[in-house]
């Protein structure tokens, strides 16, 4: 039983995965920010590209 508790203590002290979790949280925060920006700016960008495309096709 002591060996089992020693193993659990060693696993709880192990912090190797902590950095990966932090990177995962940062990446997810960036993804949420990008999605929010696209939702806000998406219609404006679409209108801009449509205006440019219409000007290109109507120019003689």
PDB file of N, CA and C in Angstrom:
ATOM      1  N   UNK A   1       0.827  -1.189   0.000  1.00  0.00           N
ATOM      2  CA  UNK A   1       0.000   0.000   0.000  1.00  0.00           C
ATOM      3  C   UNK A   1       0.873   1.255   0.000  1.00  0.00           C
ATOM      4  N   UNK A   2       1.990   1.197   0.728  1.00  0.00           N
ATOM      5  CA  UNK A   2       2.886   2.344   0.780  1.00  0.00           C
ATOM      6  C   UNK A   2       3.440   2.662  -0.603  1.00  0.00           C
ATOM      7  N   UNK A   3       3.718   1.615  -1.358  1.00  0.00           N
ATOM      8  CA  UNK A   3       4.245   1.820  -2.704  1.00  0.00           C
ATOM      9  C   UNK A   3       3.209   2.548  -3.578  1.00  0.00           C
ATOM     10  N   UNK A   4       1.947   2.223  -3.401  1.00  0.00           N
ATOM     11  CA  UNK A   4       0.871   2.874  -4.153  1.00  0.00           C
ATOM     12  C   UNK A   4       0.803   4.364  -3.809  1.00  0.00           C
ATOM     13  N   UNK A   5       0.885   4.706  -2.520  1.00  0.00           N
ATOM     14  CA  UNK A   5       0.848   6.107  -2.106  1.00  0.00           C
ATOM     15  C   UNK A   5       2.089   6.873  -2.575  1.00  0.00           C
ATOM     16  N   UNK A   6       3.230   6.210  -2.563  1.00  0.00           N
ATOM     17  CA  UNK A   6       4.444   6.848  -3.074  1.00  0.00           C
ATOM     18  C   UNK A   6       4.301   7.148  -4.565  1.00  0.00           C
ATOM     19  N   UNK A   7       3.708   6.224  -5.292  1.00  0.00           N
ATOM     20  CA  UNK A   7       3.480   6.431  -6.724  1.00  0.00           C
ATOM     21  C   UNK A   7       2.531   7.608  -6.947  1.00  0.00           C
ATOM     22  N   UNK A   8       1.463   7.701  -6.182  1.00  0.00           N
ATOM     23  CA  UNK A   8       0.516   8.811  -6.312  1.00  0.00           C
ATOM     24  C   UNK A   8       1.179  10.148  -5.977  1.00  0.00           C
ATOM     25  N   UNK A   9       2.006  10.169  -4.937  1.00  0.00           N
ATOM     26  CA  UNK A   9       2.720  11.398  -4.586  1.00  0.00           C
ATOM     27  C   UNK A   9       3.643  11.835  -5.720  1.00  0.00           C
ATOM     28  N   UNK A  10       4.330  10.880  -6.313  1.00  0.00           N
ATOM     29  CA  UNK A  10       5.239  11.193  -7.420  1.00  0.00           C
ATOM     30  C   UNK A  10       4.453  11.726  -8.619  1.00  0.00           C
ATOM     31  N   UNK A  11       3.301  11.155  -8.876  1.00  0.00           N
ATOM     32  CA  UNK A  11       2.482  11.616 -10.010  1.00  0.00           C
ATOM     33  C   UNK A  11       1.949  13.023  -9.765  1.00  0.00           C
ATOM     34  N   UNK A  12       1.600  13.336  -8.528  1.00  0.00           N
ATOM     35  CA  UNK A  12       1.080  14.661  -8.221  1.00  0.00           C
ATOM     36  C   UNK A  12       2.178  15.722  -8.290  1.00  0.00           C
ATOM     37  N   UNK A  13       3.399  15.351  -8.038  1.00  0.00           N
ATOM     38  CA  UNK A  13       4.519  16.290  -8.096  1.00  0.00           C
ATOM     39  C   UNK A  13       5.018  16.509  -9.521  1.00  0.00           C
ATOM     40  N   UNK A  14       4.678  15.610 -10.418  1.00  0.00           N
ATOM     41  CA  UNK A  14       5.136  15.692 -11.796  1.00  0.00           C
ATOM     42  C   UNK A  14       4.422  16.847 -12.498  1.00  0.00           C
ATOM     43  N   UNK A  15       5.170  17.813 -13.009  1.00  0.00           N
ATOM     44  CA  UNK A  15       4.583  19.006 -13.632  1.00  0.00           C
ATOM     45  C   UNK A  15       4.932  19.102 -15.111  1.00  0.00           C
ATOM     46  N   UNK A  16       5.285  18.002 -15.734  1.00  0.00           N
ATOM     47  CA  UNK A  16       5.667  18.036 -17.142  1.00  0.00           C
ATOM     48  C   UNK A  16       4.500  18.432 -18.038  1.00  0.00           C
ATOM     49  N   UNK A  17       3.302  18.012 -17.719  1.00  0.00           N
ATOM     50  CA  UNK A  17       2.147  18.308 -18.551  1.00  0.00           C
ATOM     51  C   UNK A  17       1.585  19.701 -18.353  1.00  0.00           C
ATOM     52  N   UNK A  18       2.053  20.406 -17.362  1.00  0.00           N
ATOM     53  CA  UNK A  18       1.520  21.731 -17.053  1.00  0.00           C
ATOM     54  C   UNK A  18       1.765  22.707 -18.199  1.00  0.00           C
ATOM     55  N   UNK A  19       2.925  22.680 -18.807  1.00  0.00           N
ATOM     56  CA  UNK A  19       3.244  23.582 -19.905  1.00  0.00           C
ATOM     57  C   UNK A  19       2.349  23.346 -21.105  1.00  0.00           C
ATOM     58  N   UNK A  20       2.066  22.096 -21.399  1.00  0.00           N
ATOM     59  CA  UNK A  20       1.207  21.776 -22.535  1.00  0.00           C
ATOM     60  C   UNK A  20      -0.217  22.267 -22.293  1.00  0.00           C
ATOM     61  N   UNK A  21      -0.680  22.176 -21.078  1.00  0.00           N
ATOM     62  CA  UNK A  21      -2.020  22.665 -20.754  1.00  0.00           C
ATOM     63  C   UNK A  21      -2.068  24.178 -20.928  1.00  0.00           C
ATOM     64  N   UNK A  22      -1.032  24.867 -20.517  1.00  0.00           N
ATOM     65  CA  UNK A  22      -0.997  26.321 -20.669  1.00  0.00           C
ATOM     66  C   UNK A  22      -0.993  26.705 -22.146  1.00  0.00           C
ATOM     67  N   UNK A  23      -0.207  25.990 -22.961  1.00  0.00           N
ATOM     68  CA  UNK A  23      -0.206  26.266 -24.390  1.00  0.00           C
ATOM     69  C   UNK A  23      -1.587  25.993 -24.997  1.00  0.00           C
ATOM     70  N   UNK A  24      -2.223  24.945 -24.561  1.00  0.00           N
ATOM     71  CA  UNK A  24      -3.568  24.627 -25.055  1.00  0.00           C
ATOM     72  C   UNK A  24      -4.561  25.721 -24.704  1.00  0.00           C
ATOM     73  N   UNK A  25      -4.469  26.245 -23.494  1.00  0.00           N
ATOM     74  CA  UNK A  25      -5.367  27.331 -23.098  1.00  0.00           C
ATOM     75  C   UNK A  25      -5.114  28.601 -23.907  1.00  0.00           C
ATOM     76  N   UNK A  26      -3.852  28.901 -24.165  1.00  0.00           N
ATOM     77  CA  UNK A  26      -3.529  30.090 -24.961  1.00  0.00           C
ATOM     78  C   UNK A  26      -4.053  29.932 -26.379  1.00  0.00           C
ATOM     79  N   UNK A  27      -3.861  28.761 -26.975  1.00  0.00           N
ATOM     80  CA  UNK A  27      -4.332  28.524 -28.337  1.00  0.00           C
ATOM     81  C   UNK A  27      -5.848  28.602 -28.403  1.00  0.00           C
ATOM     82  N   UNK A  28      -6.536  28.061 -27.407  1.00  0.00           N
ATOM     83  CA  UNK A  28      -7.996  28.130 -27.416  1.00  0.00           C
ATOM     84  C   UNK A  28      -8.478  29.565 -27.241  1.00  0.00           C
ATOM     85  N   UNK A  29      -7.791  30.363 -26.442  1.00  0.00           N
ATOM     86  CA  UNK A  29      -8.154  31.763 -26.283  1.00  0.00           C
ATOM     87  C   UNK A  29      -7.956  32.524 -27.592  1.00  0.00           C
ATOM     88  N   UNK A  30      -6.863  32.251 -28.301  1.00  0.00           N
ATOM     89  CA  UNK A  30      -6.633  32.890 -29.593  1.00  0.00           C
ATOM     90  C   UNK A  30      -7.698  32.466 -30.593  1.00  0.00           C
ATOM     91  N   UNK A  31      -8.085  31.200 -30.583  1.00  0.00           N
ATOM     92  CA  UNK A  31      -9.120  30.722 -31.498  1.00  0.00           C
ATOM     93  C   UNK A  31     -10.450  31.409 -31.220  1.00  0.00           C
ATOM     94  N   UNK A  32     -10.809  31.565 -29.962  1.00  0.00           N
ATOM     95  CA  UNK A  32     -12.059  32.247 -29.613  1.00  0.00           C
ATOM     96  C   UNK A  32     -12.009  33.703 -30.059  1.00  0.00           C
ATOM     97  N   UNK A  33     -10.864  34.364 -29.892  1.00  0.00           N
ATOM     98  CA  UNK A  33     -10.725  35.758 -30.322  1.00  0.00           C
ATOM     99  C   UNK A  33     -10.843  35.874 -31.837  1.00  0.00           C
ATOM    100  N   UNK A  34     -10.252  34.939 -32.574  1.00  0.00           N
ATOM    101  CA  UNK A  34     -10.356  34.963 -34.043  1.00  0.00           C
ATOM    102  C   UNK A  34     -11.786  34.745 -34.500  1.00  0.00           C
ATOM    103  N   UNK A  35     -12.485  33.832 -33.877  1.00  0.00           N
ATOM    104  CA  UNK A  35     -13.877  33.576 -34.245  1.00  0.00           C
ATOM    105  C   UNK A  35     -14.734  34.794 -33.954  1.00  0.00           C
ATOM    106  N   UNK A  36     -14.520  35.419 -32.815  1.00  0.00           N
ATOM    107  CA  UNK A  36     -15.285  36.625 -32.480  1.00  0.00           C
ATOM    108  C   UNK A  36     -14.992  37.745 -33.475  1.00  0.00           C
ATOM    109  N   UNK A  37     -13.724  37.908 -33.855  1.00  0.00           N
ATOM    110  CA  UNK A  37     -13.367  38.951 -34.815  1.00  0.00           C
ATOM    111  C   UNK A  37     -13.997  38.682 -36.171  1.00  0.00           C
ATOM    112  N   UNK A  38     -14.015  37.425 -36.587  1.00  0.00           N
ATOM    113  CA  UNK A  38     -14.643  37.098 -37.871  1.00  0.00           C
ATOM    114  C   UNK A  38     -16.145  37.311 -37.838  1.00  0.00           C
ATOM    115  N   UNK A  39     -16.772  37.031 -36.720  1.00  0.00           N
ATOM    116  CA  UNK A  39     -18.215  37.257 -36.612  1.00  0.00           C
ATOM    117  C   UNK A  39     -18.547  38.749 -36.671  1.00  0.00           C
ATOM    118  N   UNK A  40     -17.698  39.569 -36.080  1.00  0.00           N
ATOM    119  CA  UNK A  40     -17.941  41.015 -36.067  1.00  0.00           C
ATOM    120  C   UNK A  40     -17.576  41.639 -37.408  1.00  0.00           C
ATOM    121  N   UNK A  41     -16.419  41.276 -37.947  1.00  0.00           N
ATOM    122  CA  UNK A  41     -15.917  41.914 -39.161  1.00  0.00           C
ATOM    123  C   UNK A  41     -16.315  41.183 -40.442  1.00  0.00           C
ATOM    124  N   UNK A  42     -16.852  39.991 -40.344  1.00  0.00           N
ATOM    125  CA  UNK A  42     -17.187  39.194 -41.524  1.00  0.00           C
ATOM    126  C   UNK A  42     -18.078  39.903 -42.526  1.00  0.00           C
ATOM    127  N   UNK A  43     -19.216  40.461 -42.111  1.00  0.00           N
ATOM    128  CA  UNK A  43     -20.076  41.150 -43.076  1.00  0.00           C
ATOM    129  C   UNK A  43     -19.404  42.361 -43.729  1.00  0.00           C
ATOM    130  N   UNK A  44     -18.599  43.085 -42.978  1.00  0.00           N
ATOM    131  CA  UNK A  44     -17.901  44.253 -43.535  1.00  0.00           C
ATOM    132  C   UNK A  44     -16.882  43.819 -44.587  1.00  0.00           C
ATOM    133  N   UNK A  45     -16.153  42.758 -44.294  1.00  0.00           N
ATOM    134  CA  UNK A  45     -15.157  42.253 -45.245  1.00  0.00           C
ATOM    135  C   UNK A  45     -15.848  41.715 -46.487  1.00  0.00           C
ATOM    136  N   UNK A  46     -16.952  41.023 -46.306  1.00  0.00           N
ATOM    137  CA  UNK A  46     -17.701  40.500 -47.449  1.00  0.00           C
ATOM    138  C   UNK A  46     -18.197  41.628 -48.347  1.00  0.00           C
ATOM    139  N   UNK A  47     -18.703  42.687 -47.750  1.00  0.00           N
ATOM    140  CA  UNK A  47     -19.159  43.843 -48.525  1.00  0.00           C
ATOM    141  C   UNK A  47     -18.000  44.490 -49.264  1.00  0.00           C
ATOM    142  N   UNK A  48     -16.875  44.604 -48.616  1.00  0.00           N
ATOM    143  CA  UNK A  48     -15.690  45.193 -49.241  1.00  0.00           C
ATOM    144  C   UNK A  48     -15.268  44.392 -50.464  1.00  0.00           C
ATOM    145  N   UNK A  49     -15.180  43.067 -50.343  1.00  0.00           N
ATOM    146  CA  UNK A  49     -14.793  42.232 -51.473  1.00  0.00           C
ATOM    147  C   UNK A  49     -15.835  42.281 -52.587  1.00  0.00           C
ATOM    148  N   UNK A  50     -17.097  42.333 -52.240  1.00  0.00           N
ATOM    149  CA  UNK A  50     -18.146  42.433 -53.248  1.00  0.00           C
ATOM    150  C   UNK A  50     -18.045  43.744 -54.009  1.00  0.00           C
ATOM    151  N   UNK A  51     -17.786  44.843 -53.320  1.00  0.00           N
ATOM    152  CA  UNK A  51     -17.628  46.147 -53.970  1.00  0.00           C
ATOM    153  C   UNK A  51     -16.421  46.137 -54.919  1.00  0.00           C
ATOM    154  N   UNK A  52     -15.323  45.563 -54.475  1.00  0.00           N
ATOM    155  CA  UNK A  52     -14.130  45.481 -55.321  1.00  0.00           C
ATOM    156  C   UNK A  52     -14.406  44.622 -56.547  1.00  0.00           C
ATOM    157  N   UNK A  53     -15.060  43.498 -56.367  1.00  0.00           N
ATOM    158  CA  UNK A  53     -15.376  42.613 -57.493  1.00  0.00           C
ATOM    159  C   UNK A  53     -16.316  43.307 -58.484  1.00  0.00           C
ATOM    160  N   UNK A  54     -17.290  44.058 -57.999  1.00  0.00           N
ATOM    161  CA  UNK A  54     -18.211  44.767 -58.882  1.00  0.00           C
ATOM    162  C   UNK A  54     -17.488  45.863 -59.653  1.00  0.00           C
ATOM    163  N   UNK A  55     -16.554  46.549 -59.022  1.00  0.00           N
ATOM    164  CA  UNK A  55     -15.799  47.591 -59.718  1.00  0.00           C
ATOM    165  C   UNK A  55     -14.868  47.003 -60.777  1.00  0.00           C
ATOM    166  N   UNK A  56     -14.322  45.849 -60.509  1.00  0.00           N
ATOM    167  CA  UNK A  56     -13.441  45.221 -61.478  1.00  0.00           C
ATOM    168  C   UNK A  56     -14.230  44.763 -62.697  1.00  0.00           C
ATOM    169  N   UNK A  57     -15.390  44.173 -62.500  1.00  0.00           N
ATOM    170  CA  UNK A  57     -16.181  43.646 -63.616  1.00  0.00           C
ATOM    171  C   UNK A  57     -16.884  44.745 -64.401  1.00  0.00           C
ATOM    172  N   UNK A  58     -17.166  45.890 -63.793  1.00  0.00           N
ATOM    173  CA  UNK A  58     -17.870  46.964 -64.511  1.00  0.00           C
ATOM    174  C   UNK A  58     -16.922  47.907 -65.219  1.00  0.00           C
ATOM    175  N   UNK A  59     -15.653  47.844 -64.955  1.00  0.00           N
ATOM    176  CA  UNK A  59     -14.688  48.720 -65.610  1.00  0.00           C
ATOM    177  C   UNK A  59     -14.459  48.231 -67.044  1.00  0.00           C
ATOM    178  N   UNK A  60     -14.584  49.155 -68.060  1.00  0.00           N
ATOM    179  CA  UNK A  60     -14.410  48.738 -69.469  1.00  0.00           C
ATOM    180  C   UNK A  60     -12.979  48.396 -69.805  1.00  0.00           C
TER     181      UNK A  60
END
